[in-house]
Amino acid sequence: MTNSELVRKIQSEFLRETAMPELKTWMEIEVSQILREWWKERTQKFKWIIIKTGWKSPLEKTITVRRKVWAFWVEKVFAINSPTIGDIEILRTFKTRRKHIGYIRTAIWKKAKLKEIKK
């Protein structure tokens, strides 16, 4: 048994049982995150646009998302297999040619020509 097979076997115990949708850049998603505050637990939903996806193994899947809150741009990295992530729903999908769209940080959103892919 090689090292990579051994790592996959160990990580398979910690993977999420429910199937997650295939996430790509320029998707507008709604993430349900479970927040624990002292003795209470609640679910909060966030609307984001994915600007980066990446992983080395199935357990390390992450997405970097971005949105505007008041006058500031906020970025957040979500680990897909984290127990705090409840559900991910895809709202809209846009056409893109790149896997990582970090250039959007410096570009003005009006200059980014978005073509929505209809379902």
N, C-alpha and C. Protein backbone atom coordinates (compact mmCIF):
# COMPACT_ATOMS: atom_id res chain seq x y z
N MET A 1 0.86 -1.18 0.00
CA MET A 1 0.00 0.00 0.00
C MET A 1 0.90 1.24 0.00
N THR A 2 0.64 2.12 -0.96
CA THR A 2 1.46 3.32 -1.06
C THR A 2 0.98 4.36 -0.04
N ASN A 3 1.78 5.40 0.11
CA ASN A 3 1.43 6.46 1.07
C ASN A 3 0.14 7.16 0.71
N SER A 4 -0.07 7.46 -0.57
CA SER A 4 -1.29 8.17 -0.97
C SER A 4 -2.53 7.32 -0.75
N GLU A 5 -2.44 6.03 -0.96
CA GLU A 5 -3.58 5.14 -0.69
C GLU A 5 -3.88 5.08 0.81
N LEU A 6 -2.84 5.07 1.60
CA LEU A 6 -3.00 5.04 3.05
C LEU A 6 -3.66 6.33 3.55
N VAL A 7 -3.24 7.47 3.01
CA VAL A 7 -3.83 8.75 3.40
C VAL A 7 -5.30 8.80 3.01
N ARG A 8 -5.65 8.36 1.80
CA ARG A 8 -7.05 8.35 1.36
C ARG A 8 -7.91 7.46 2.25
N LYS A 9 -7.36 6.32 2.64
CA LYS A 9 -8.11 5.39 3.49
C LYS A 9 -8.39 6.01 4.85
N ILE A 10 -7.41 6.68 5.43
CA ILE A 10 -7.60 7.32 6.73
C ILE A 10 -8.56 8.50 6.62
N GLN A 11 -8.44 9.30 5.56
CA GLN A 11 -9.30 10.48 5.40
C GLN A 11 -10.74 10.12 5.06
N SER A 12 -10.98 8.96 4.49
CA SER A 12 -12.34 8.59 4.09
C SER A 12 -13.29 8.52 5.29
N GLU A 13 -12.78 8.26 6.48
CA GLU A 13 -13.62 8.22 7.68
C GLU A 13 -14.19 9.59 8.02
N PHE A 14 -13.49 10.66 7.66
CA PHE A 14 -13.87 12.01 8.05
C PHE A 14 -14.62 12.76 6.96
N LEU A 15 -14.80 12.17 5.79
CA LEU A 15 -15.49 12.85 4.69
C LEU A 15 -16.98 12.94 4.98
N ARG A 16 -17.60 13.93 4.40
CA ARG A 16 -19.03 14.18 4.56
C ARG A 16 -19.82 13.10 3.82
N GLU A 17 -20.89 12.60 4.45
CA GLU A 17 -21.70 11.55 3.82
C GLU A 17 -22.60 12.11 2.73
N THR A 18 -23.15 13.32 2.96
CA THR A 18 -24.05 13.90 1.97
C THR A 18 -23.25 14.44 0.79
N ALA A 19 -23.78 14.28 -0.39
CA ALA A 19 -23.08 14.73 -1.59
C ALA A 19 -23.18 16.24 -1.72
N MET A 20 -22.05 16.88 -1.97
CA MET A 20 -22.00 18.32 -2.19
C MET A 20 -22.05 18.58 -3.69
N PRO A 21 -22.64 19.72 -4.09
CA PRO A 21 -22.63 20.03 -5.52
C PRO A 21 -21.21 20.34 -6.00
N GLU A 22 -20.99 20.18 -7.30
CA GLU A 22 -19.68 20.50 -7.86
C GLU A 22 -19.55 22.02 -7.93
N LEU A 23 -18.57 22.56 -7.24
CA LEU A 23 -18.41 24.00 -7.13
C LEU A 23 -17.29 24.47 -8.05
N LYS A 24 -17.55 25.57 -8.78
CA LYS A 24 -16.58 26.16 -9.68
C LYS A 24 -16.54 27.67 -9.44
N THR A 25 -15.54 28.32 -10.01
CA THR A 25 -15.45 29.76 -9.86
C THR A 25 -16.61 30.44 -10.58
N TRP A 26 -16.91 31.65 -10.14
CA TRP A 26 -18.00 32.48 -10.65
C TRP A 26 -19.37 31.86 -10.44
N MET A 27 -19.52 31.07 -9.39
CA MET A 27 -20.84 30.60 -8.99
C MET A 27 -21.29 31.45 -7.81
N GLU A 28 -22.53 31.85 -7.84
CA GLU A 28 -23.10 32.54 -6.68
C GLU A 28 -23.76 31.48 -5.82
N ILE A 29 -23.29 31.36 -4.57
CA ILE A 29 -23.77 30.29 -3.70
C ILE A 29 -24.34 30.86 -2.41
N GLU A 30 -25.12 30.05 -1.75
CA GLU A 30 -25.63 30.40 -0.42
C GLU A 30 -25.16 29.31 0.54
N VAL A 31 -24.35 29.71 1.50
CA VAL A 31 -23.76 28.77 2.45
C VAL A 31 -24.50 28.88 3.78
N SER A 32 -24.96 27.74 4.28
CA SER A 32 -25.57 27.68 5.61
C SER A 32 -24.49 27.26 6.59
N GLN A 33 -24.13 28.17 7.47
CA GLN A 33 -23.08 27.89 8.43
C GLN A 33 -23.69 27.76 9.83
N ILE A 34 -23.28 26.73 10.55
CA ILE A 34 -23.77 26.49 11.90
C ILE A 34 -22.88 27.25 12.87
N LEU A 35 -23.46 28.17 13.61
CA LEU A 35 -22.71 28.98 14.58
C LEU A 35 -23.09 28.56 15.99
N ARG A 36 -22.09 28.33 16.81
CA ARG A 36 -22.31 27.94 18.19
C ARG A 36 -21.90 29.09 19.11
N GLU A 37 -22.85 29.54 19.91
CA GLU A 37 -22.58 30.62 20.85
C GLU A 37 -22.99 30.14 22.24
N TRP A 38 -22.02 29.93 23.06
CA TRP A 38 -22.22 29.42 24.41
C TRP A 38 -23.05 28.15 24.37
N TRP A 39 -24.30 28.19 24.80
CA TRP A 39 -25.13 27.00 24.85
C TRP A 39 -26.11 26.94 23.67
N LYS A 40 -26.13 27.97 22.85
CA LYS A 40 -27.06 28.01 21.72
C LYS A 40 -26.36 27.61 20.42
N GLU A 41 -27.15 27.14 19.50
CA GLU A 41 -26.65 26.80 18.17
C GLU A 41 -27.66 27.32 17.15
N ARG A 42 -27.17 28.04 16.13
CA ARG A 42 -28.08 28.57 15.12
C ARG A 42 -27.43 28.45 13.74
N THR A 43 -28.26 28.54 12.72
CA THR A 43 -27.78 28.46 11.35
C THR A 43 -27.91 29.83 10.71
N GLN A 44 -26.84 30.28 10.09
CA GLN A 44 -26.85 31.56 9.40
C GLN A 44 -26.49 31.34 7.94
N LYS A 45 -27.20 32.02 7.04
CA LYS A 45 -26.96 31.87 5.61
C LYS A 45 -26.21 33.07 5.07
N PHE A 46 -25.24 32.80 4.22
CA PHE A 46 -24.44 33.84 3.58
C PHE A 46 -24.51 33.66 2.07
N LYS A 47 -24.58 34.77 1.34
CA LYS A 47 -24.55 34.76 -0.12
C LYS A 47 -23.19 35.24 -0.58
N TRP A 48 -22.50 34.45 -1.40
CA TRP A 48 -21.15 34.75 -1.82
C TRP A 48 -20.96 34.42 -3.29
N ILE A 49 -19.84 34.90 -3.86
CA ILE A 49 -19.39 34.49 -5.19
C ILE A 49 -18.04 33.80 -5.01
N ILE A 50 -17.89 32.63 -5.61
CA ILE A 50 -16.65 31.86 -5.48
C ILE A 50 -15.59 32.47 -6.38
N ILE A 51 -14.42 32.79 -5.82
CA ILE A 51 -13.33 33.31 -6.63
C ILE A 51 -12.18 32.31 -6.76
N LYS A 52 -12.18 31.26 -5.92
CA LYS A 52 -11.09 30.29 -6.00
C LYS A 52 -11.55 28.96 -5.41
N THR A 53 -11.16 27.87 -6.06
CA THR A 53 -11.38 26.54 -5.51
C THR A 53 -10.04 25.83 -5.48
N GLY A 54 -9.86 24.97 -4.53
CA GLY A 54 -8.59 24.25 -4.48
C GLY A 54 -8.57 23.16 -3.44
N TRP A 55 -7.80 22.12 -3.74
CA TRP A 55 -7.59 21.04 -2.79
C TRP A 55 -6.50 20.12 -3.30
N LYS A 56 -5.91 19.41 -2.36
CA LYS A 56 -4.91 18.41 -2.68
C LYS A 56 -5.50 17.02 -2.51
N SER A 57 -6.36 16.87 -1.52
CA SER A 57 -7.04 15.60 -1.29
C SER A 57 -8.51 15.91 -1.02
N PRO A 58 -9.39 14.91 -1.09
CA PRO A 58 -10.82 15.17 -0.89
C PRO A 58 -11.16 15.81 0.46
N LEU A 59 -10.38 15.54 1.49
CA LEU A 59 -10.66 16.11 2.80
C LEU A 59 -10.28 17.58 2.88
N GLU A 60 -9.37 18.03 2.04
CA GLU A 60 -8.86 19.40 2.09
C GLU A 60 -9.57 20.35 1.12
N LYS A 61 -10.73 20.00 0.61
CA LYS A 61 -11.43 20.85 -0.35
C LYS A 61 -11.79 22.19 0.30
N THR A 62 -11.40 23.28 -0.35
CA THR A 62 -11.73 24.61 0.16
C THR A 62 -12.22 25.49 -0.99
N ILE A 63 -13.01 26.49 -0.63
CA ILE A 63 -13.41 27.51 -1.60
C ILE A 63 -13.16 28.86 -0.95
N THR A 64 -12.71 29.80 -1.76
CA THR A 64 -12.54 31.18 -1.32
C THR A 64 -13.67 31.97 -1.93
N VAL A 65 -14.41 32.68 -1.10
CA VAL A 65 -15.58 33.42 -1.56
C VAL A 65 -15.42 34.90 -1.24
N ARG A 66 -16.18 35.74 -1.94
CA ARG A 66 -16.04 37.18 -1.79
C ARG A 66 -17.41 37.84 -1.94
N ARG A 67 -17.64 38.89 -1.18
CA ARG A 67 -18.86 39.69 -1.32
C ARG A 67 -18.62 41.07 -0.73
N LYS A 68 -19.51 41.97 -1.04
CA LYS A 68 -19.40 43.33 -0.56
C LYS A 68 -20.34 43.51 0.63
N VAL A 69 -19.77 44.00 1.73
CA VAL A 69 -20.55 44.30 2.93
C VAL A 69 -20.37 45.78 3.20
N TRP A 70 -21.44 46.51 3.07
CA TRP A 70 -21.44 47.97 3.15
C TRP A 70 -20.43 48.53 2.16
N ALA A 71 -19.35 49.12 2.62
CA ALA A 71 -18.37 49.71 1.70
C ALA A 71 -17.11 48.86 1.58
N PHE A 72 -17.09 47.70 2.21
CA PHE A 72 -15.89 46.88 2.24
C PHE A 72 -16.11 45.56 1.53
N TRP A 73 -15.03 45.04 0.95
CA TRP A 73 -15.06 43.71 0.35
C TRP A 73 -14.57 42.71 1.38
N VAL A 74 -15.28 41.63 1.53
CA VAL A 74 -14.96 40.61 2.51
C VAL A 74 -14.68 39.30 1.79
N GLU A 75 -13.58 38.64 2.17
CA GLU A 75 -13.25 37.32 1.63
C GLU A 75 -13.23 36.32 2.77
N LYS A 76 -13.66 35.11 2.47
CA LYS A 76 -13.69 34.07 3.48
C LYS A 76 -13.36 32.74 2.83
N VAL A 77 -12.64 31.90 3.55
CA VAL A 77 -12.29 30.57 3.05
C VAL A 77 -13.11 29.55 3.82
N PHE A 78 -13.85 28.72 3.09
CA PHE A 78 -14.66 27.67 3.70
C PHE A 78 -14.03 26.32 3.40
N ALA A 79 -13.91 25.47 4.40
CA ALA A 79 -13.53 24.08 4.21
C ALA A 79 -14.82 23.29 3.97
N ILE A 80 -14.92 22.64 2.82
CA ILE A 80 -16.18 22.00 2.43
C ILE A 80 -16.58 20.89 3.41
N ASN A 81 -15.62 20.12 3.90
CA ASN A 81 -15.93 19.00 4.78
C ASN A 81 -15.96 19.39 6.26
N SER A 82 -16.00 20.66 6.55
CA SER A 82 -16.05 21.12 7.92
C SER A 82 -17.43 20.80 8.53
N PRO A 83 -17.47 20.43 9.80
CA PRO A 83 -18.77 20.15 10.42
C PRO A 83 -19.62 21.41 10.63
N THR A 84 -19.02 22.59 10.50
CA THR A 84 -19.80 23.82 10.68
C THR A 84 -20.54 24.24 9.41
N ILE A 85 -20.25 23.61 8.28
CA ILE A 85 -20.95 23.91 7.03
C ILE A 85 -22.17 23.00 6.94
N GLY A 86 -23.35 23.62 6.95
CA GLY A 86 -24.57 22.84 6.89
C GLY A 86 -24.93 22.42 5.48
N ASP A 87 -25.11 23.39 4.60
CA ASP A 87 -25.57 23.11 3.25
C ASP A 87 -25.04 24.19 2.31
N ILE A 88 -24.80 23.82 1.07
CA ILE A 88 -24.38 24.78 0.05
C ILE A 88 -25.36 24.69 -1.11
N GLU A 89 -25.95 25.83 -1.44
CA GLU A 89 -26.93 25.87 -2.52
C GLU A 89 -26.41 26.80 -3.62
N ILE A 90 -26.46 26.33 -4.88
CA ILE A 90 -26.01 27.13 -6.01
C ILE A 90 -27.18 27.98 -6.49
N LEU A 91 -26.99 29.30 -6.51
CA LEU A 91 -28.04 30.21 -6.94
C LEU A 91 -27.92 30.54 -8.43
N ARG A 92 -26.71 30.97 -8.84
CA ARG A 92 -26.47 31.32 -10.24
C ARG A 92 -25.08 30.87 -10.64
N THR A 93 -24.90 30.67 -11.94
CA THR A 93 -23.60 30.29 -12.48
C THR A 93 -23.26 31.24 -13.62
N PHE A 94 -22.02 31.70 -13.64
CA PHE A 94 -21.55 32.58 -14.69
C PHE A 94 -20.45 31.88 -15.49
N LYS A 95 -20.28 32.31 -16.72
CA LYS A 95 -19.26 31.73 -17.59
C LYS A 95 -17.90 32.29 -17.22
N THR A 96 -16.90 31.41 -17.17
CA THR A 96 -15.54 31.83 -16.86
C THR A 96 -14.55 30.95 -17.61
N ARG A 97 -13.33 31.45 -17.76
CA ARG A 97 -12.29 30.68 -18.42
C ARG A 97 -11.18 30.28 -17.46
N ARG A 98 -11.21 30.78 -16.25
CA ARG A 98 -10.12 30.56 -15.32
C ARG A 98 -10.59 29.84 -14.07
N LYS A 99 -9.64 29.15 -13.44
CA LYS A 99 -9.94 28.46 -12.20
C LYS A 99 -9.85 29.41 -11.01
N HIS A 100 -8.93 30.35 -11.07
CA HIS A 100 -8.71 31.31 -9.98
C HIS A 100 -8.88 32.71 -10.55
N ILE A 101 -9.83 33.46 -10.05
CA ILE A 101 -10.10 34.79 -10.59
C ILE A 101 -9.71 35.86 -9.58
N GLY A 102 -8.48 35.80 -9.13
CA GLY A 102 -7.98 36.77 -8.16
C GLY A 102 -7.85 38.17 -8.72
N TYR A 103 -7.85 38.29 -10.05
CA TYR A 103 -7.75 39.61 -10.67
C TYR A 103 -8.96 40.47 -10.35
N ILE A 104 -10.04 39.85 -9.93
CA ILE A 104 -11.27 40.60 -9.65
C ILE A 104 -11.10 41.47 -8.39
N ARG A 105 -10.07 41.19 -7.59
CA ARG A 105 -9.82 42.01 -6.40
C ARG A 105 -9.46 43.44 -6.77
N THR A 106 -8.71 43.60 -7.85
CA THR A 106 -8.28 44.94 -8.25
C THR A 106 -9.19 45.54 -9.31
N ALA A 107 -9.93 44.72 -10.01
CA ALA A 107 -10.82 45.22 -11.07
C ALA A 107 -12.10 45.78 -10.46
N ILE A 108 -12.70 46.67 -11.16
CA ILE A 108 -13.99 47.18 -10.75
C ILE A 108 -15.04 46.21 -11.27
N TRP A 109 -16.05 45.91 -10.44
CA TRP A 109 -17.03 44.89 -10.80
C TRP A 109 -17.79 45.25 -12.07
N LYS A 110 -17.95 46.53 -12.37
CA LYS A 110 -18.67 46.90 -13.58
C LYS A 110 -17.89 46.49 -14.83
N LYS A 111 -16.56 46.44 -14.72
CA LYS A 111 -15.76 46.06 -15.87
C LYS A 111 -15.79 44.56 -16.11
N ALA A 112 -16.12 43.79 -15.10
CA ALA A 112 -16.19 42.33 -15.24
C ALA A 112 -17.46 41.98 -15.99
N LYS A 113 -17.31 41.56 -17.23
CA LYS A 113 -18.47 41.23 -18.04
C LYS A 113 -18.90 39.81 -17.69
N LEU A 114 -20.07 39.70 -17.09
CA LEU A 114 -20.57 38.42 -16.64
C LEU A 114 -21.65 37.91 -17.57
N LYS A 115 -21.49 36.68 -18.02
CA LYS A 115 -22.53 36.04 -18.82
C LYS A 115 -23.09 34.90 -18.00
N GLU A 116 -24.36 35.01 -17.65
CA GLU A 116 -24.98 33.99 -16.82
C GLU A 116 -25.34 32.79 -17.65
N ILE A 117 -25.09 31.61 -17.10
CA ILE A 117 -25.43 30.36 -17.77
C ILE A 117 -26.82 29.97 -17.28
N LYS A 118 -27.76 29.86 -18.19
CA LYS A 118 -29.13 29.51 -17.85
C LYS A 118 -29.23 28.01 -17.63
N LYS A 119 -30.04 27.61 -16.67
CA LYS A 119 -30.23 26.19 -16.39
C LYS A 119 -31.31 25.62 -17.28
